Amino acid sequence: PVGSGCCRPISRKRVVLSRRSSMAGSIVASPWASPALVLPMAATLLMVLALFVFDMSYGYFVESRGKRQLAGLFGQYVPPELVEEMSDDPTAFSLEGESREMTVLFSDVRGFTTISEGLEPRELSELMNDYLTPMTQAIHHNRGTIDKYMGDAIMAFWGAPLQDPDHASNALATGLEMMQRLAAIKLRFKERGWPEINIGVGLNTGQMSVGNMGSEFRMAYTVLGDAVNLGSRLEGLTKQYGVDIIVSESTRAAVSGHAFRELDRVRVKGKDKPVTIYEPLGAKDKLEKAVKDEMGLYAQALKLYRAQNWDMAEIQFLNLKQSTPARNLYTLYLERIAHFRGHPPDVDWDGVFTHESK
């Protein structure tokens, strides 16, 4: 593994060189210990100096080569400061597969197929570069690792190759920063006559397998597991709920000082276990009174909905929609209430909505 292999050769060489330096030091001292040994003092000192210079130069060469190897492996995926930390302590990471609690982020451009069909190949390439560069900067700014680009989609994670106790907070900060950067991107696109783009971001925290994976022909440092798949599913739900970012209950629990709006309890496609999903609203201590009031009314409406009190729930959601007509979430619940009136759920319904599509 690079994490361990980068440091062991350096230490062995330096041990050998240190022994040589010690031997040279013994030779310097030996004229006083043994008069029979005749060595010109100047030549002896030059030999010691040469060994010292060689020792330092070789160590610098090996260290520089190790940094270049790390930069080659991770330079495009992790920020430079993390590469520097990894080179300073090669024992702090490993490429071997292991299980860690981490946070994964997925982002995707909505309606990208339609956008791409209206652009020439060269223009599309320029658009993607102009979009992906600031998005990548947001990830690197918050100590994230780029897993891969999948066309217009981005997959990134926190918590590897270096441990990150704040992986959930850093991932959430990235999602919020991506939205801020998107506003500037939209302005540039408008100036160039390009179509407006919108994105969705999904975040999930959990146990994931991370390490170098692939074949003998090509390897990639990546993450796998159910927790990773859930992150992808959450990104796909952002458009349905009319929000920019969706986080799982585990990500919410791992982030402190932030306010969240509960969106729903869902079963995503391919999963039996329900999960509560949330929309991040901002720092708790900076939340406006109007937002707090809306959250209180929404919590009441959600409680009535889950109790199958369709009439009272409908009134609450209608009032919320009237005060914030741009909120698609309330339209979604009004449509569900209309559906459940004609097709009532089971008596023991737990309020969980099952999504049949990704």
Protein backbone atom coordinates (compact mmCIF):
# COMPACT_ATOMS: atom_id res chain seq x y z
CA PRO A 1 0.00 0.00 0.00
CA VAL A 2 1.12 3.52 -0.71
CA GLY A 3 0.28 4.54 2.82
CA SER A 4 2.87 2.18 4.29
CA GLY A 5 5.22 1.75 1.35
CA CYS A 6 6.05 5.44 1.11
CA CYS A 7 7.69 5.55 4.48
CA ARG A 8 9.48 2.20 5.04
CA PRO A 9 12.14 2.55 2.31
CA ILE A 10 12.99 6.03 3.52
CA SER A 11 13.53 4.89 7.10
CA ARG A 12 15.75 1.93 6.11
CA LYS A 13 17.96 4.10 3.92
CA ARG A 14 18.31 6.66 6.63
CA VAL A 15 19.29 3.98 9.14
CA VAL A 16 22.07 2.82 6.80
CA LEU A 17 23.22 6.36 6.16
CA SER A 18 23.14 7.16 9.86
CA ARG A 19 25.42 4.18 10.48
CA ARG A 20 27.78 5.46 7.81
CA SER A 21 27.78 8.87 9.43
CA SER A 22 28.48 7.25 12.80
CA MET A 23 31.35 5.27 11.27
CA ALA A 24 32.74 8.45 9.79
CA GLY A 25 32.45 10.11 13.18
CA SER A 26 34.40 7.24 14.72
CA ILE A 27 37.11 7.72 12.12
CA VAL A 28 37.32 11.40 12.97
CA ALA A 29 37.75 10.58 16.64
CA SER A 30 40.15 7.70 16.07
CA PRO A 31 43.41 9.71 15.53
CA TRP A 32 43.20 10.66 19.22
CA ALA A 33 42.33 7.10 20.24
CA SER A 34 44.91 5.29 18.07
CA PRO A 35 48.11 7.09 17.08
CA ALA A 36 48.90 4.25 14.64
CA LEU A 37 46.07 5.39 12.33
CA VAL A 38 47.28 8.18 10.07
CA LEU A 39 44.60 10.13 8.17
CA PRO A 40 44.86 13.75 7.15
CA MET A 41 42.30 15.71 9.17
CA ALA A 42 41.08 17.70 6.15
CA ALA A 43 40.37 14.55 4.12
CA THR A 44 38.47 13.00 7.03
CA LEU A 45 36.32 16.07 7.52
CA LEU A 46 35.59 16.19 3.79
CA MET A 47 34.48 12.56 3.88
CA VAL A 48 32.12 13.26 6.80
CA LEU A 49 30.74 16.29 5.01
CA ALA A 50 30.24 14.29 1.81
CA LEU A 51 28.35 11.58 3.69
CA PHE A 52 26.19 14.19 5.39
CA VAL A 53 25.36 15.92 2.10
CA PHE A 54 24.62 12.57 0.47
CA ASP A 55 22.39 11.58 3.38
CA MET A 56 20.39 14.80 3.20
CA SER A 57 20.19 14.81 -0.59
CA TYR A 58 19.07 11.21 -0.78
CA GLY A 59 16.42 11.75 1.89
CA TYR A 60 15.14 14.81 0.07
CA PHE A 61 15.07 12.90 -3.22
CA VAL A 62 13.13 9.98 -1.76
CA GLU A 63 10.72 12.30 0.06
CA SER A 64 10.14 14.35 -3.09
CA ARG A 65 9.57 11.21 -5.10
CA GLY A 66 7.03 10.02 -2.52
CA LYS A 67 5.17 13.32 -2.74
CA ARG A 68 5.14 13.12 -6.52
CA GLN A 69 3.74 9.59 -6.33
CA LEU A 70 0.98 10.74 -3.97
CA ALA A 71 0.22 13.72 -6.17
CA GLY A 72 -0.02 11.38 -9.14
CA LEU A 73 -2.40 9.06 -7.30
CA PHE A 74 -4.59 11.61 -5.54
CA GLY A 75 -3.73 15.03 -6.97
CA GLN A 76 -6.85 15.23 -9.14
CA TYR A 77 -9.15 13.89 -6.45
CA VAL A 78 -8.16 15.47 -3.13
CA PRO A 79 -7.11 19.05 -2.28
CA PRO A 80 -3.36 19.84 -2.22
CA GLU A 81 -3.33 20.34 1.55
CA LEU A 82 -4.55 16.77 2.07
CA VAL A 83 -1.84 15.44 -0.26
CA GLU A 84 0.67 17.36 1.86
CA GLU A 85 -0.72 15.86 5.08
CA MET A 86 -0.58 12.38 3.56
CA SER A 87 3.05 12.83 2.50
CA ASP A 88 3.96 14.12 5.97
CA ASP A 89 2.49 11.00 7.61
CA PRO A 90 2.23 8.06 5.16
CA THR A 91 1.05 5.78 7.99
CA ALA A 92 -2.18 7.81 8.32
CA PHE A 93 -3.79 6.23 5.28
CA SER A 94 -3.91 3.05 3.24
CA LEU A 95 -5.12 1.99 -0.19
CA GLU A 96 -6.22 -1.40 1.12
CA GLY A 97 -9.95 -2.00 1.44
CA GLU A 98 -11.51 -1.23 4.81
CA SER A 99 -14.86 -0.30 6.35
CA ARG A 100 -15.33 3.21 7.71
CA GLU A 101 -18.13 5.53 8.72
CA MET A 102 -18.10 8.18 6.02
CA THR A 103 -20.36 10.61 4.20
CA VAL A 104 -21.00 10.43 0.47
CA LEU A 105 -22.34 13.17 -1.82
CA PHE A 106 -24.02 12.84 -5.20
CA SER A 107 -24.92 15.78 -7.42
CA ASP A 108 -26.60 15.82 -10.78
CA VAL A 109 -27.70 18.40 -13.34
CA ARG A 110 -31.45 18.23 -13.88
CA GLY A 111 -32.58 17.76 -17.46
CA PHE A 112 -29.02 17.43 -18.71
CA THR A 113 -29.99 15.30 -21.71
CA THR A 114 -32.17 18.08 -23.08
CA ILE A 115 -29.44 20.65 -22.41
CA SER A 116 -26.76 18.58 -24.15
CA GLU A 117 -28.91 17.98 -27.23
CA GLY A 118 -29.14 21.72 -27.85
CA LEU A 119 -25.38 22.37 -27.86
CA GLU A 120 -22.54 21.64 -30.25
CA PRO A 121 -19.91 19.18 -28.91
CA ARG A 122 -17.33 21.93 -28.35
CA GLU A 123 -19.85 24.15 -26.57
CA LEU A 124 -20.99 21.24 -24.42
CA SER A 125 -17.40 20.54 -23.41
CA GLU A 126 -16.90 24.19 -22.45
CA LEU A 127 -20.15 24.22 -20.49
CA MET A 128 -19.20 21.11 -18.54
CA ASN A 129 -15.74 22.45 -17.71
CA ASP A 130 -17.22 25.77 -16.60
CA TYR A 131 -19.67 23.89 -14.37
CA LEU A 132 -17.50 21.13 -12.96
CA THR A 133 -14.53 23.34 -12.04
CA PRO A 134 -16.29 25.47 -9.37
CA MET A 135 -18.18 22.41 -8.12
CA THR A 136 -14.87 20.60 -7.64
CA GLN A 137 -13.43 23.65 -5.90
CA ALA A 138 -16.32 23.52 -3.42
CA ILE A 139 -15.53 19.86 -2.66
CA HIS A 140 -11.80 20.51 -2.25
CA HIS A 141 -12.47 23.60 -0.15
CA ASN A 142 -14.20 21.35 2.39
CA ARG A 143 -11.59 18.55 2.39
CA GLY A 144 -13.56 16.19 0.17
CA THR A 145 -12.34 13.46 -2.16
CA ILE A 146 -13.64 13.29 -5.72
CA ASP A 147 -14.66 9.72 -6.44
CA LYS A 148 -15.64 10.21 -10.07
CA TYR A 149 -17.38 12.34 -12.64
CA MET A 150 -20.21 10.55 -14.42
CA GLY A 151 -21.09 12.86 -17.27
CA ASP A 152 -22.76 15.78 -15.52
CA ALA A 153 -22.93 13.92 -12.18
CA ILE A 154 -20.36 14.14 -9.39
CA MET A 155 -19.67 11.59 -6.67
CA ALA A 156 -17.51 12.61 -3.71
CA PHE A 157 -16.88 11.39 -0.18
CA TRP A 158 -15.45 12.47 3.17
CA GLY A 159 -13.57 10.40 5.74
CA ALA A 160 -10.93 8.86 3.44
CA PRO A 161 -8.13 8.54 2.54
CA LEU A 162 -7.51 10.55 5.74
CA GLN A 163 -9.80 10.21 8.74
CA ASP A 164 -12.19 13.14 9.14
CA PRO A 165 -14.23 13.35 12.36
CA ASP A 166 -16.30 16.14 10.77
CA HIS A 167 -17.05 14.27 7.54
CA ALA A 168 -20.82 14.86 7.71
CA SER A 169 -20.48 18.58 8.49
CA ASN A 170 -17.89 19.06 5.75
CA ALA A 171 -20.06 17.23 3.23
CA LEU A 172 -23.09 19.36 4.11
CA ALA A 173 -20.99 22.53 3.89
CA THR A 174 -19.97 21.40 0.41
CA GLY A 175 -23.56 20.92 -0.71
CA LEU A 176 -24.48 24.40 0.50
CA GLU A 177 -21.39 25.92 -1.13
CA MET A 178 -22.22 24.19 -4.40
CA MET A 179 -25.59 25.93 -4.39
CA GLN A 180 -23.92 29.28 -3.75
CA ARG A 181 -21.49 28.74 -6.61
CA LEU A 182 -24.34 27.64 -8.86
CA ALA A 183 -25.82 31.14 -8.70
CA ALA A 184 -22.62 32.59 -10.21
CA ILE A 185 -22.51 29.82 -12.81
CA LYS A 186 -26.04 30.67 -13.93
CA LEU A 187 -25.04 34.29 -14.51
CA ARG A 188 -22.07 33.25 -16.66
CA PHE A 189 -24.20 30.82 -18.63
CA LYS A 190 -26.81 33.50 -19.26
CA GLU A 191 -24.12 35.87 -20.59
CA ARG A 192 -22.96 33.19 -23.03
CA GLY A 193 -26.45 32.30 -24.16
CA TRP A 194 -26.32 28.86 -22.59
CA PRO A 195 -29.39 27.24 -20.98
CA GLU A 196 -29.99 27.65 -17.26
CA ILE A 197 -29.03 24.66 -15.16
CA ASN A 198 -30.29 23.40 -11.82
CA ILE A 199 -28.82 20.65 -9.72
CA GLY A 200 -29.82 18.29 -6.96
CA VAL A 201 -27.58 17.05 -4.15
CA GLY A 202 -28.00 13.93 -2.00
CA LEU A 203 -26.01 13.17 1.16
CA ASN A 204 -25.83 10.04 3.28
CA THR A 205 -23.67 8.99 6.21
CA GLY A 206 -22.93 5.38 7.12
CA GLN A 207 -20.54 2.44 6.96
CA MET A 208 -18.87 2.16 3.57
CA SER A 209 -16.14 0.03 2.04
CA VAL A 210 -13.31 2.23 0.80
CA GLY A 211 -10.05 1.41 -0.92
CA ASN A 212 -8.33 0.69 -4.21
CA MET A 213 -10.74 -1.41 -6.27
CA GLY A 214 -10.84 -2.57 -9.86
CA SER A 215 -8.96 -5.03 -12.05
CA GLU A 216 -5.32 -5.80 -12.80
CA PHE A 217 -5.64 -3.37 -15.71
CA ARG A 218 -7.16 -0.42 -13.90
CA MET A 219 -7.69 0.48 -10.24
CA ALA A 220 -9.64 3.29 -8.63
CA TYR A 221 -9.83 4.57 -5.06
CA THR A 222 -13.57 4.44 -4.43
CA VAL A 223 -16.39 3.67 -1.98
CA LEU A 224 -19.03 0.94 -2.15
CA GLY A 225 -21.97 -0.24 -0.07
CA ASP A 226 -25.65 0.26 0.74
CA ALA A 227 -24.92 3.62 2.35
CA VAL A 228 -23.39 4.81 -0.93
CA ASN A 229 -26.39 3.62 -2.94
CA LEU A 230 -28.77 5.45 -0.60
CA GLY A 231 -26.90 8.70 -1.18
CA SER A 232 -27.50 8.30 -4.90
CA ARG A 233 -31.20 7.57 -4.35
CA LEU A 234 -31.60 10.70 -2.21
CA GLU A 235 -30.15 12.88 -4.93
CA GLY A 236 -32.74 11.45 -7.30
CA LEU A 237 -35.55 12.50 -4.94
CA THR A 238 -34.63 16.19 -4.81
CA LYS A 239 -36.67 17.08 -7.89
CA GLN A 240 -39.78 15.25 -6.62
CA TYR A 241 -39.72 17.14 -3.33
CA GLY A 242 -38.78 20.44 -4.96
CA VAL A 243 -35.62 20.98 -2.90
CA ASP A 244 -31.96 21.47 -3.73
CA ILE A 245 -30.44 19.16 -1.10
CA ILE A 246 -31.71 16.05 0.68
CA VAL A 247 -29.85 14.45 3.58
CA SER A 248 -30.58 11.22 5.39
CA GLU A 249 -31.42 10.89 9.07
CA SER A 250 -27.89 9.62 9.77
CA THR A 251 -26.31 12.70 8.19
CA ARG A 252 -28.67 14.98 10.10
CA ALA A 253 -27.76 13.24 13.38
CA ALA A 254 -24.04 13.70 12.67
CA VAL A 255 -24.31 17.46 12.07
CA SER A 256 -24.72 19.89 14.97
CA GLY A 257 -25.86 23.50 14.97
CA HIS A 258 -27.87 23.17 11.77
CA ALA A 259 -31.64 23.34 11.24
CA PHE A 260 -33.42 20.79 9.05
CA ARG A 261 -36.94 20.37 7.70
CA GLU A 262 -38.27 16.82 7.77
CA LEU A 263 -39.49 16.04 4.27
CA ASP A 264 -40.83 12.51 4.52
CA ARG A 265 -40.33 8.95 5.66
CA VAL A 266 -39.62 6.87 2.59
CA ARG A 267 -38.58 3.53 1.21
CA VAL A 268 -36.36 4.14 -1.76
CA LYS A 269 -36.36 1.75 -4.69
CA GLY A 270 -34.50 -1.44 -3.89
CA LYS A 271 -34.61 -0.94 -0.10
CA ASP A 272 -37.02 -2.33 2.50
CA LYS A 273 -35.89 -0.27 5.48
CA PRO A 274 -37.53 3.17 5.66
CA VAL A 275 -35.44 6.29 6.13
CA THR A 276 -36.40 9.80 7.21
CA ILE A 277 -35.17 12.45 4.81
CA TYR A 278 -34.49 16.12 5.51
CA GLU A 279 -33.84 19.44 3.81
CA PRO A 280 -31.08 21.62 5.35
CA LEU A 281 -32.29 25.13 6.17
CA GLY A 282 -29.22 26.83 7.63
CA ALA A 283 -27.60 27.53 10.98
CA LYS A 284 -30.04 27.23 13.90
CA ASP A 285 -28.99 30.52 15.45
CA LYS A 286 -29.55 32.40 12.17
CA LEU A 287 -32.95 31.00 11.25
CA GLU A 288 -35.51 33.72 10.55
CA LYS A 289 -38.75 33.84 12.54
CA ALA A 290 -40.86 33.38 9.41
CA VAL A 291 -39.04 30.13 8.64
CA LYS A 292 -39.49 28.90 12.22
CA ASP A 293 -43.21 29.68 12.08
CA GLU A 294 -43.57 27.86 8.77
CA MET A 295 -41.72 24.83 10.16
CA GLY A 296 -44.11 24.72 13.13
CA LEU A 297 -47.21 24.76 10.91
CA TYR A 298 -45.67 22.18 8.60
CA ALA A 299 -44.91 19.84 11.51
CA GLN A 300 -48.60 19.99 12.52
CA ALA A 301 -49.71 19.26 8.95
CA LEU A 302 -47.34 16.30 8.71
CA LYS A 303 -48.66 14.88 11.99
CA LEU A 304 -52.27 15.12 10.74
CA TYR A 305 -51.29 13.49 7.44
CA ARG A 306 -49.66 10.52 9.16
CA ALA A 307 -52.71 10.15 11.41
CA GLN A 308 -54.80 9.87 8.20
CA ASN A 309 -56.79 12.95 9.18
CA TRP A 310 -57.08 13.95 5.54
CA ASP A 311 -59.48 16.89 5.97
CA MET A 312 -57.48 18.73 8.63
CA ALA A 313 -54.19 17.89 6.94
CA GLU A 314 -55.50 19.27 3.65
CA ILE A 315 -56.50 22.56 5.29
CA GLN A 316 -53.05 22.92 6.84
CA PHE A 317 -51.22 22.18 3.60
CA LEU A 318 -53.50 24.54 1.65
CA ASN A 319 -52.70 27.33 4.09
CA LEU A 320 -48.99 26.61 3.79
CA LYS A 321 -49.17 26.53 0.00
CA GLN A 322 -51.02 29.85 -0.04
CA SER A 323 -48.33 31.52 2.07
CA THR A 324 -45.43 29.96 0.15
CA PRO A 325 -46.76 29.07 -3.34
CA ALA A 326 -43.30 28.20 -4.67
CA ARG A 327 -42.93 25.32 -2.21
CA ASN A 328 -43.53 22.17 -4.28
CA LEU A 329 -43.47 20.06 -1.13
CA TYR A 330 -46.96 21.18 -0.10
CA THR A 331 -48.37 20.43 -3.55
CA LEU A 332 -46.90 16.93 -3.28
CA TYR A 333 -48.71 16.26 0.01
CA LEU A 334 -52.00 17.69 -1.30
CA GLU A 335 -51.79 15.29 -4.25
CA ARG A 336 -51.14 12.37 -1.91
CA ILE A 337 -54.11 13.31 0.28
CA ALA A 338 -56.34 13.35 -2.80
CA HIS A 339 -55.02 9.91 -3.77
CA PHE A 340 -55.45 8.41 -0.30
CA ARG A 341 -59.05 9.61 -0.12
CA GLY A 342 -59.88 7.32 -3.01
CA HIS A 343 -57.35 4.62 -2.14
CA PRO A 344 -56.98 4.54 1.66
CA PRO A 345 -53.76 3.02 3.03
CA ASP A 346 -53.83 0.08 5.42
CA VAL A 347 -55.08 0.67 8.94
CA ASP A 348 -51.61 -0.04 10.33
CA TRP A 349 -49.96 2.32 7.82
CA ASP A 350 -46.77 3.73 9.31
CA GLY A 351 -46.74 6.91 7.25
CA VAL A 352 -43.90 5.67 5.06
CA PHE A 353 -44.12 6.42 1.34
CA THR A 354 -42.58 3.86 -1.02
CA HIS A 355 -40.87 5.23 -4.11
CA GLU A 356 -41.06 2.82 -7.03
CA SER A 357 -38.58 4.68 -9.23
CA LYS A 358 -35.03 5.91 -8.67
